[in-house]
Amino acid sequence: MERKIFDVIVGRTKQERINFTRIGTAFENETNIKILFDALPITNSNGEAIVYLKERLKDVSESNEQKKEW
């Protein structure tokens, strides 16, 4: 079974535009998904801390030369 890797992202609305920021990485295994946070999400005006999992389409190294695709 190929295990999927996800980017953990949060979206913030700023001047009628949504900006996404990666705050961690998630890994799928046989029974669940493990989430490793680099930063914690903050709550919105309703008190909800919402994160999104976006499947990583290609292997991305931590170098500054490559961009992460969301």
C-alpha atoms as a PDB file:
ATOM      1  CA  MET A   1       0.000   0.000   0.000  1.00  0.00           C
ATOM      2  CA  GLU A   2       1.356   3.401  -0.945  1.00  0.00           C
ATOM      3  CA  ARG A   3       1.182   5.758   1.993  1.00  0.00           C
ATOM      4  CA  LYS A   4       0.003   9.261   1.294  1.00  0.00           C
ATOM      5  CA  ILE A   5       1.677  12.402   2.598  1.00  0.00           C
ATOM      6  CA  PHE A   6      -0.392  15.523   3.228  1.00  0.00           C
ATOM      7  CA  ASP A   7       0.412  19.172   3.830  1.00  0.00           C
ATOM      8  CA  VAL A   8      -1.492  20.578   6.828  1.00  0.00           C
ATOM      9  CA  ILE A   9      -2.636  24.061   5.871  1.00  0.00           C
ATOM     10  CA  VAL A  10      -4.744  26.886   7.287  1.00  0.00           C
ATOM     11  CA  GLY A  11      -6.575  29.556   5.331  1.00  0.00           C
ATOM     12  CA  ARG A  12      -7.002  33.182   6.346  1.00  0.00           C
ATOM     13  CA  THR A  13      -9.212  35.711   4.572  1.00  0.00           C
ATOM     14  CA  LYS A  14      -7.467  38.979   3.858  1.00  0.00           C
ATOM     15  CA  GLN A  15      -9.060  41.669   1.694  1.00  0.00           C
ATOM     16  CA  GLU A  16     -11.493  39.286  -0.052  1.00  0.00           C
ATOM     17  CA  ARG A  17      -8.702  36.778  -0.759  1.00  0.00           C
ATOM     18  CA  ILE A  18      -7.798  33.546   1.042  1.00  0.00           C
ATOM     19  CA  ASN A  19      -4.126  32.986   1.836  1.00  0.00           C
ATOM     20  CA  PHE A  20      -3.002  29.455   2.724  1.00  0.00           C
ATOM     21  CA  THR A  21      -0.062  28.696   4.993  1.00  0.00           C
ATOM     22  CA  ARG A  22       1.476  25.273   5.641  1.00  0.00           C
ATOM     23  CA  ILE A  23       1.694  24.567   9.375  1.00  0.00           C
ATOM     24  CA  GLY A  24       2.628  20.875   9.347  1.00  0.00           C
ATOM     25  CA  THR A  25       2.711  17.499   7.633  1.00  0.00           C
ATOM     26  CA  ALA A  26       0.407  14.482   7.910  1.00  0.00           C
ATOM     27  CA  PHE A  27       1.160  10.830   7.148  1.00  0.00           C
ATOM     28  CA  GLU A  28      -1.367   8.092   6.403  1.00  0.00           C
ATOM     29  CA  ASN A  29      -0.838   4.591   7.784  1.00  0.00           C
ATOM     30  CA  GLU A  30      -2.992   1.461   7.862  1.00  0.00           C
ATOM     31  CA  THR A  31      -5.551   2.701  10.387  1.00  0.00           C
ATOM     32  CA  ASN A  32      -5.240   6.465  10.797  1.00  0.00           C
ATOM     33  CA  ILE A  33      -3.511   9.720   9.876  1.00  0.00           C
ATOM     34  CA  LYS A  34      -0.655  11.095  12.004  1.00  0.00           C
ATOM     35  CA  ILE A  35      -0.381  14.903  12.031  1.00  0.00           C
ATOM     36  CA  LEU A  36       2.855  16.668  12.936  1.00  0.00           C
ATOM     37  CA  PHE A  37       2.362  20.381  13.577  1.00  0.00           C
ATOM     38  CA  ASP A  38       5.194  22.870  13.025  1.00  0.00           C
ATOM     39  CA  ALA A  39       2.871  25.587  14.360  1.00  0.00           C
ATOM     40  CA  LEU A  40      -0.544  25.544  15.995  1.00  0.00           C
ATOM     41  CA  PRO A  41      -3.605  26.986  14.249  1.00  0.00           C
ATOM     42  CA  ILE A  42      -5.322  29.987  15.772  1.00  0.00           C
ATOM     43  CA  THR A  43      -9.073  30.254  16.111  1.00  0.00           C
ATOM     44  CA  ASN A  44     -11.341  32.264  13.840  1.00  0.00           C
ATOM     45  CA  SER A  45     -14.038  34.694  15.025  1.00  0.00           C
ATOM     46  CA  ASN A  46     -16.341  31.727  15.809  1.00  0.00           C
ATOM     47  CA  GLY A  47     -13.764  30.059  18.065  1.00  0.00           C
ATOM     48  CA  GLU A  48     -13.013  27.299  15.521  1.00  0.00           C
ATOM     49  CA  ALA A  49      -9.465  26.173  14.673  1.00  0.00           C
ATOM     50  CA  ILE A  50      -9.808  24.738  11.151  1.00  0.00           C
ATOM     51  CA  VAL A  51      -6.999  22.935   9.323  1.00  0.00           C
ATOM     52  CA  TYR A  52      -7.054  21.338   5.891  1.00  0.00           C
ATOM     53  CA  LEU A  53      -5.189  18.282   4.633  1.00  0.00           C
ATOM     54  CA  LYS A  54      -4.008  18.656   1.052  1.00  0.00           C
ATOM     55  CA  GLU A  55      -2.439  15.570  -0.519  1.00  0.00           C
ATOM     56  CA  ARG A  56       1.131  16.258  -1.540  1.00  0.00           C
ATOM     57  CA  LEU A  57       1.337  15.683  -5.277  1.00  0.00           C
ATOM     58  CA  LYS A  58       5.104  15.260  -5.455  1.00  0.00           C
ATOM     59  CA  ASP A  59       8.006  14.697  -3.102  1.00  0.00           C
ATOM     60  CA  VAL A  60       9.104  18.099  -1.839  1.00  0.00           C
ATOM     61  CA  SER A  61      12.423  18.594  -0.081  1.00  0.00           C
ATOM     62  CA  GLU A  62      12.967  21.254   2.551  1.00  0.00           C
ATOM     63  CA  SER A  63      15.203  23.316   0.232  1.00  0.00           C
ATOM     64  CA  ASN A  64      14.293  26.873  -0.699  1.00  0.00           C
ATOM     65  CA  GLU A  65      14.654  26.060  -4.403  1.00  0.00           C
ATOM     66  CA  GLN A  66      11.431  24.039  -4.622  1.00  0.00           C
ATOM     67  CA  LYS A  67       7.917  25.303  -3.880  1.00  0.00           C
ATOM     68  CA  LYS A  68       5.173  23.284  -2.233  1.00  0.00           C
ATOM     69  CA  GLU A  69       2.039  22.840  -4.331  1.00  0.00           C
ATOM     70  CA  TRP A  70      -1.300  23.188  -2.571  1.00  0.00           C
END
